[in-house]
Amino acid sequence: MKYYAIKEGKKKGIFTSWDECKEYVSGFKGAVYKSFSSFDDAKNFLNNKEEELTDNFAYVDGSYNPKTTEYSFGAILYYNGQMYQFKRKFGPDEYSSSRNVSGEIRGAAFIIQYAIKLGIKELDLYYDYRGIEEFYTGAYKASKDLSLLYQDFANKAKKQIKINFHKVKSHTNNKYNDLVDSLAKEALGI
């Protein structure tokens, strides 16, 4: 059984169905929620008990420069006791209109593909843009080219790696999220 803990949403608490959880987080700006396989883990999340990072985890973030219409991602992957850092810049191109979201999506696809190449079978992926998880799982229906490509990639990747998604609030002094945010900005020279 899955448990859905909502820390920030229209209603806070622990729920046992995605449909009920979605009702309380959809359309709520800054919603913070996560799924768990145990009730105790969900309760710890709500009670702000520090989550222990696993041996394999990654963070991704995107950025956008309106002056150049370029976008980017910053990403880290912690694996086998080693931290890998990545930053990439793109555009201007057909995906620039989605601004930093394009960077977020490309960053997530990159880090998942990199983890697959390393032979990682399960990865905890931390993000601050909800679409990273929702497009991957199919909870959001893709309509733009890049999100459609990401969903197609996800359908193939799911056969090779299990991704445990974790939503984090942006700009809240989370050291790893702050790091990938700065890497994404650095890629753009801002």
C-alpha atoms as a PDB file:
ATOM      1  CA  MET A   1       0.000   0.000   0.000  1.00  0.00           C
ATOM      2  CA  LYS A   2       1.164   3.534  -0.764  1.00  0.00           C
ATOM      3  CA  TYR A   3       0.771   6.498   1.561  1.00  0.00           C
ATOM      4  CA  TYR A   4       0.686  10.067   0.276  1.00  0.00           C
ATOM      5  CA  ALA A   5       1.800  12.695   2.786  1.00  0.00           C
ATOM      6  CA  ILE A   6       0.884  16.318   2.097  1.00  0.00           C
ATOM      7  CA  LYS A   7       2.984  18.823   4.021  1.00  0.00           C
ATOM      8  CA  GLU A   8       1.792  21.894   2.075  1.00  0.00           C
ATOM      9  CA  GLY A   9      -1.487  21.794   0.149  1.00  0.00           C
ATOM     10  CA  LYS A  10      -5.189  22.594   0.279  1.00  0.00           C
ATOM     11  CA  LYS A  11      -5.343  19.997   3.050  1.00  0.00           C
ATOM     12  CA  LYS A  12      -2.444  18.522   5.036  1.00  0.00           C
ATOM     13  CA  GLY A  13      -2.246  14.911   6.116  1.00  0.00           C
ATOM     14  CA  ILE A  14      -1.673  11.329   5.010  1.00  0.00           C
ATOM     15  CA  PHE A  15      -3.851   9.775   2.323  1.00  0.00           C
ATOM     16  CA  THR A  16      -4.006   6.294   0.813  1.00  0.00           C
ATOM     17  CA  SER A  17      -4.984   7.119  -2.766  1.00  0.00           C
ATOM     18  CA  TRP A  18      -3.293   9.250  -5.399  1.00  0.00           C
ATOM     19  CA  ASP A  19      -6.667  10.635  -6.524  1.00  0.00           C
ATOM     20  CA  GLU A  20      -7.384  11.991  -3.050  1.00  0.00           C
ATOM     21  CA  CYS A  21      -3.866  13.399  -2.722  1.00  0.00           C
ATOM     22  CA  LYS A  22      -4.071  15.002  -6.168  1.00  0.00           C
ATOM     23  CA  GLU A  23      -7.309  16.735  -5.180  1.00  0.00           C
ATOM     24  CA  TYR A  24      -5.457  18.578  -2.391  1.00  0.00           C
ATOM     25  CA  VAL A  25      -2.242  19.451  -4.250  1.00  0.00           C
ATOM     26  CA  SER A  26      -3.383  20.203  -7.818  1.00  0.00           C
ATOM     27  CA  GLY A  27      -3.502  23.931  -8.400  1.00  0.00           C
ATOM     28  CA  PHE A  28      -1.894  24.671  -5.035  1.00  0.00           C
ATOM     29  CA  LYS A  29       1.212  26.772  -5.659  1.00  0.00           C
ATOM     30  CA  GLY A  30       4.123  25.460  -3.620  1.00  0.00           C
ATOM     31  CA  ALA A  31       2.494  22.137  -2.734  1.00  0.00           C
ATOM     32  CA  VAL A  32       4.867  19.796  -0.910  1.00  0.00           C
ATOM     33  CA  TYR A  33       3.963  16.120  -0.914  1.00  0.00           C
ATOM     34  CA  LYS A  34       5.528  12.728  -1.318  1.00  0.00           C
ATOM     35  CA  SER A  35       4.554   9.073  -1.554  1.00  0.00           C
ATOM     36  CA  PHE A  36       5.797   6.422   0.865  1.00  0.00           C
ATOM     37  CA  SER A  37       5.524   2.676   1.190  1.00  0.00           C
ATOM     38  CA  SER A  38       5.101   2.868   4.978  1.00  0.00           C
ATOM     39  CA  PHE A  39       2.838   4.931   7.202  1.00  0.00           C
ATOM     40  CA  ASP A  40       5.714   5.663   9.604  1.00  0.00           C
ATOM     41  CA  ASP A  41       7.830   7.170   6.817  1.00  0.00           C
ATOM     42  CA  ALA A  42       4.890   9.359   5.768  1.00  0.00           C
ATOM     43  CA  LYS A  43       4.405  10.471   9.384  1.00  0.00           C
ATOM     44  CA  ASN A  44       8.113  11.283   9.760  1.00  0.00           C
ATOM     45  CA  PHE A  45       7.927  13.398   6.601  1.00  0.00           C
ATOM     46  CA  LEU A  46       5.010  15.394   8.018  1.00  0.00           C
ATOM     47  CA  ASN A  47       6.788  15.809  11.344  1.00  0.00           C
ATOM     48  CA  ASN A  48       9.870  17.229   9.606  1.00  0.00           C
ATOM     49  CA  LYS A  49      12.140  14.428  10.723  1.00  0.00           C
ATOM     50  CA  GLU A  50      15.293  14.651   8.652  1.00  0.00           C
ATOM     51  CA  GLU A  51      15.122  12.316   5.706  1.00  0.00           C
ATOM     52  CA  GLU A  52      18.188  10.173   5.327  1.00  0.00           C
ATOM     53  CA  LEU A  53      19.674  10.276   1.879  1.00  0.00           C
ATOM     54  CA  THR A  54      20.245   6.952   0.210  1.00  0.00           C
ATOM     55  CA  ASP A  55      23.450   5.730  -1.379  1.00  0.00           C
ATOM     56  CA  ASN A  56      22.203   6.783  -4.816  1.00  0.00           C
ATOM     57  CA  PHE A  57      20.522  10.148  -5.109  1.00  0.00           C
ATOM     58  CA  ALA A  58      20.302  13.027  -7.540  1.00  0.00           C
ATOM     59  CA  TYR A  59      19.064  16.616  -7.584  1.00  0.00           C
ATOM     60  CA  VAL A  60      18.095  18.614 -10.680  1.00  0.00           C
ATOM     61  CA  ASP A  61      17.094  22.222 -11.287  1.00  0.00           C
ATOM     62  CA  GLY A  62      16.586  24.467 -14.283  1.00  0.00           C
ATOM     63  CA  SER A  63      17.177  28.118 -15.049  1.00  0.00           C
ATOM     64  CA  TYR A  64      16.391  30.609 -17.815  1.00  0.00           C
ATOM     65  CA  ASN A  65      17.939  33.825 -19.101  1.00  0.00           C
ATOM     66  CA  PRO A  66      15.234  36.069 -20.618  1.00  0.00           C
ATOM     67  CA  LYS A  67      17.863  38.310 -22.245  1.00  0.00           C
ATOM     68  CA  THR A  68      19.253  35.481 -24.379  1.00  0.00           C
ATOM     69  CA  THR A  69      16.282  33.044 -24.257  1.00  0.00           C
ATOM     70  CA  GLU A  70      18.760  30.349 -23.256  1.00  0.00           C
ATOM     71  CA  TYR A  71      17.892  27.781 -20.612  1.00  0.00           C
ATOM     72  CA  SER A  72      19.941  25.342 -18.596  1.00  0.00           C
ATOM     73  CA  PHE A  73      20.057  22.665 -15.968  1.00  0.00           C
ATOM     74  CA  GLY A  74      22.225  21.944 -12.985  1.00  0.00           C
ATOM     75  CA  ALA A  75      22.364  18.411 -11.616  1.00  0.00           C
ATOM     76  CA  ILE A  76      24.226  16.304  -9.126  1.00  0.00           C
ATOM     77  CA  LEU A  77      24.416  12.556  -8.767  1.00  0.00           C
ATOM     78  CA  TYR A  78      25.754  10.912  -5.638  1.00  0.00           C
ATOM     79  CA  TYR A  79      26.791   7.339  -6.343  1.00  0.00           C
ATOM     80  CA  ASN A  80      29.218   4.932  -4.731  1.00  0.00           C
ATOM     81  CA  GLY A  81      30.568   7.602  -2.388  1.00  0.00           C
ATOM     82  CA  GLN A  82      31.277  10.049  -5.207  1.00  0.00           C
ATOM     83  CA  MET A  83      29.520  13.272  -6.150  1.00  0.00           C
ATOM     84  CA  TYR A  84      29.124  14.047  -9.862  1.00  0.00           C
ATOM     85  CA  GLN A  85      28.156  17.591 -10.879  1.00  0.00           C
ATOM     86  CA  PHE A  86      26.720  18.625 -14.233  1.00  0.00           C
ATOM     87  CA  LYS A  87      25.591  21.825 -15.912  1.00  0.00           C
ATOM     88  CA  ARG A  88      24.412  22.327 -19.471  1.00  0.00           C
ATOM     89  CA  LYS A  89      23.154  25.313 -21.470  1.00  0.00           C
ATOM     90  CA  PHE A  90      20.709  25.128 -24.388  1.00  0.00           C
ATOM     91  CA  GLY A  91      19.014  27.457 -26.820  1.00  0.00           C
ATOM     92  CA  PRO A  92      17.763  29.617 -28.060  1.00  0.00           C
ATOM     93  CA  ASP A  93      15.692  26.873 -29.655  1.00  0.00           C
ATOM     94  CA  GLU A  94      12.136  25.600 -30.038  1.00  0.00           C
ATOM     95  CA  TYR A  95      12.008  24.727 -26.311  1.00  0.00           C
ATOM     96  CA  SER A  96      13.043  28.182 -25.036  1.00  0.00           C
ATOM     97  CA  SER A  97       9.411  29.293 -24.690  1.00  0.00           C
ATOM     98  CA  SER A  98       9.016  26.916 -21.730  1.00  0.00           C
ATOM     99  CA  ARG A  99      11.840  28.794 -20.012  1.00  0.00           C
ATOM    100  CA  ASN A 100      13.406  27.037 -16.981  1.00  0.00           C
ATOM    101  CA  VAL A 101      10.958  24.116 -17.281  1.00  0.00           C
ATOM    102  CA  SER A 102      12.851  23.016 -20.407  1.00  0.00           C
ATOM    103  CA  GLY A 103      16.043  22.923 -18.377  1.00  0.00           C
ATOM    104  CA  GLU A 104      14.368  20.992 -15.560  1.00  0.00           C
ATOM    105  CA  ILE A 105      13.056  18.343 -17.959  1.00  0.00           C
ATOM    106  CA  ARG A 106      16.311  18.012 -19.891  1.00  0.00           C
ATOM    107  CA  GLY A 107      18.219  17.807 -16.608  1.00  0.00           C
ATOM    108  CA  ALA A 108      16.008  15.033 -15.260  1.00  0.00           C
ATOM    109  CA  ALA A 109      16.319  13.024 -18.476  1.00  0.00           C
ATOM    110  CA  PHE A 110      20.088  13.534 -18.488  1.00  0.00           C
ATOM    111  CA  ILE A 111      20.615  12.430 -14.888  1.00  0.00           C
ATOM    112  CA  ILE A 112      18.338   9.388 -15.246  1.00  0.00           C
ATOM    113  CA  GLN A 113      20.172   8.352 -18.424  1.00  0.00           C
ATOM    114  CA  TYR A 114      23.530   8.866 -16.705  1.00  0.00           C
ATOM    115  CA  ALA A 115      22.403   6.708 -13.771  1.00  0.00           C
ATOM    116  CA  ILE A 116      21.324   3.972 -16.187  1.00  0.00           C
ATOM    117  CA  LYS A 117      24.760   4.083 -17.866  1.00  0.00           C
ATOM    118  CA  LEU A 118      26.376   3.611 -14.444  1.00  0.00           C
ATOM    119  CA  GLY A 119      24.201   0.543 -13.888  1.00  0.00           C
ATOM    120  CA  ILE A 120      22.139   2.084 -11.080  1.00  0.00           C
ATOM    121  CA  LYS A 121      18.873   0.179 -10.649  1.00  0.00           C
ATOM    122  CA  GLU A 122      17.167   2.521  -8.160  1.00  0.00           C
ATOM    123  CA  LEU A 123      17.611   6.268  -7.710  1.00  0.00           C
ATOM    124  CA  ASP A 124      16.131   8.901  -5.405  1.00  0.00           C
ATOM    125  CA  LEU A 125      15.565  12.005  -7.541  1.00  0.00           C
ATOM    126  CA  TYR A 126      14.961  15.361  -5.831  1.00  0.00           C
ATOM    127  CA  TYR A 127      13.393  18.233  -7.773  1.00  0.00           C
ATOM    128  CA  ASP A 128      11.454  21.450  -7.238  1.00  0.00           C
ATOM    129  CA  TYR A 129       9.383  21.420 -10.458  1.00  0.00           C
ATOM    130  CA  ARG A 130       6.499  18.976 -10.059  1.00  0.00           C
ATOM    131  CA  GLY A 131       6.381  18.126 -13.777  1.00  0.00           C
ATOM    132  CA  ILE A 132       9.627  16.146 -13.412  1.00  0.00           C
ATOM    133  CA  GLU A 133       7.677  13.444 -11.590  1.00  0.00           C
ATOM    134  CA  GLU A 134       4.214  13.963 -13.050  1.00  0.00           C
ATOM    135  CA  PHE A 135       5.260  13.756 -16.707  1.00  0.00           C
ATOM    136  CA  TYR A 136       7.500  10.777 -15.917  1.00  0.00           C
ATOM    137  CA  THR A 137       4.733   8.822 -14.187  1.00  0.00           C
ATOM    138  CA  GLY A 138       2.033   9.908 -16.623  1.00  0.00           C
ATOM    139  CA  ALA A 139       0.026  11.788 -13.967  1.00  0.00           C
ATOM    140  CA  TYR A 140       0.342  14.862 -16.227  1.00  0.00           C
ATOM    141  CA  LYS A 141      -0.506  14.411 -19.879  1.00  0.00           C
ATOM    142  CA  ALA A 142       2.197  15.927 -22.044  1.00  0.00           C
ATOM    143  CA  SER A 143       1.132  18.353 -24.761  1.00  0.00           C
ATOM    144  CA  LYS A 144       4.350  20.179 -25.701  1.00  0.00           C
ATOM    145  CA  ASP A 145       7.155  18.636 -27.733  1.00  0.00           C
ATOM    146  CA  LEU A 146       9.734  18.428 -24.950  1.00  0.00           C
ATOM    147  CA  SER A 147       7.353  16.952 -22.372  1.00  0.00           C
ATOM    148  CA  LEU A 148       6.182  14.425 -24.987  1.00  0.00           C
ATOM    149  CA  LEU A 149       9.804  13.429 -25.616  1.00  0.00           C
ATOM    150  CA  TYR A 150      10.353  13.160 -21.854  1.00  0.00           C
ATOM    151  CA  GLN A 151       7.319  10.883 -21.446  1.00  0.00           C
ATOM    152  CA  ASP A 152       8.552   8.692 -24.287  1.00  0.00           C
ATOM    153  CA  PHE A 153      11.984   8.552 -22.631  1.00  0.00           C
ATOM    154  CA  ALA A 154      10.315   7.707 -19.290  1.00  0.00           C
ATOM    155  CA  ASN A 155       8.453   4.752 -20.769  1.00  0.00           C
ATOM    156  CA  LYS A 156      11.779   3.265 -21.864  1.00  0.00           C
ATOM    157  CA  ALA A 157      13.728   4.235 -18.734  1.00  0.00           C
ATOM    158  CA  LYS A 158      11.184   2.636 -16.375  1.00  0.00           C
ATOM    159  CA  LYS A 159      12.245  -0.755 -17.725  1.00  0.00           C
ATOM    160  CA  GLN A 160      15.835  -0.128 -16.606  1.00  0.00           C
ATOM    161  CA  ILE A 161      15.672   1.908 -13.393  1.00  0.00           C
ATOM    162  CA  LYS A 162      13.290   2.622 -10.532  1.00  0.00           C
ATOM    163  CA  ILE A 163      13.017   6.319  -9.705  1.00  0.00           C
ATOM    164  CA  ASN A 164      11.817   7.443  -6.275  1.00  0.00           C
ATOM    165  CA  PHE A 165      10.751  11.057  -6.689  1.00  0.00           C
ATOM    166  CA  HIS A 166      11.037  13.643  -3.914  1.00  0.00           C
ATOM    167  CA  LYS A 167       9.604  17.166  -4.221  1.00  0.00           C
ATOM    168  CA  VAL A 168      11.560  19.865  -2.403  1.00  0.00           C
ATOM    169  CA  LYS A 169      10.785  23.546  -2.006  1.00  0.00           C
ATOM    170  CA  SER A 170      13.048  25.787  -4.018  1.00  0.00           C
ATOM    171  CA  HIS A 171      15.212  28.404  -2.316  1.00  0.00           C
ATOM    172  CA  THR A 172      14.743  27.002   1.210  1.00  0.00           C
ATOM    173  CA  ASN A 173      18.372  26.395   2.187  1.00  0.00           C
ATOM    174  CA  ASN A 174      18.473  22.784   1.043  1.00  0.00           C
ATOM    175  CA  LYS A 175      22.205  22.519   0.332  1.00  0.00           C
ATOM    176  CA  TYR A 176      21.904  20.168  -2.636  1.00  0.00           C
ATOM    177  CA  ASN A 177      18.983  21.991  -4.224  1.00  0.00           C
ATOM    178  CA  ASP A 178      20.844  25.270  -3.760  1.00  0.00           C
ATOM    179  CA  LEU A 179      23.894  23.673  -5.396  1.00  0.00           C
ATOM    180  CA  VAL A 180      22.027  22.550  -8.527  1.00  0.00           C
ATOM    181  CA  ASP A 181      20.291  25.931  -8.703  1.00  0.00           C
ATOM    182  CA  SER A 182      23.693  27.649  -8.715  1.00  0.00           C
ATOM    183  CA  LEU A 183      25.057  25.183 -11.307  1.00  0.00           C
ATOM    184  CA  ALA A 184      22.102  25.938 -13.606  1.00  0.00           C
ATOM    185  CA  LYS A 185      22.676  29.696 -13.259  1.00  0.00           C
ATOM    186  CA  GLU A 186      26.415  29.251 -13.731  1.00  0.00           C
ATOM    187  CA  ALA A 187      25.780  27.447 -17.022  1.00  0.00           C
ATOM    188  CA  LEU A 188      23.989  30.589 -18.229  1.00  0.00           C
ATOM    189  CA  GLY A 189      26.587  32.968 -16.843  1.00  0.00           C
ATOM    190  CA  ILE A 190      24.106  34.570 -14.437  1.00  0.00           C
END
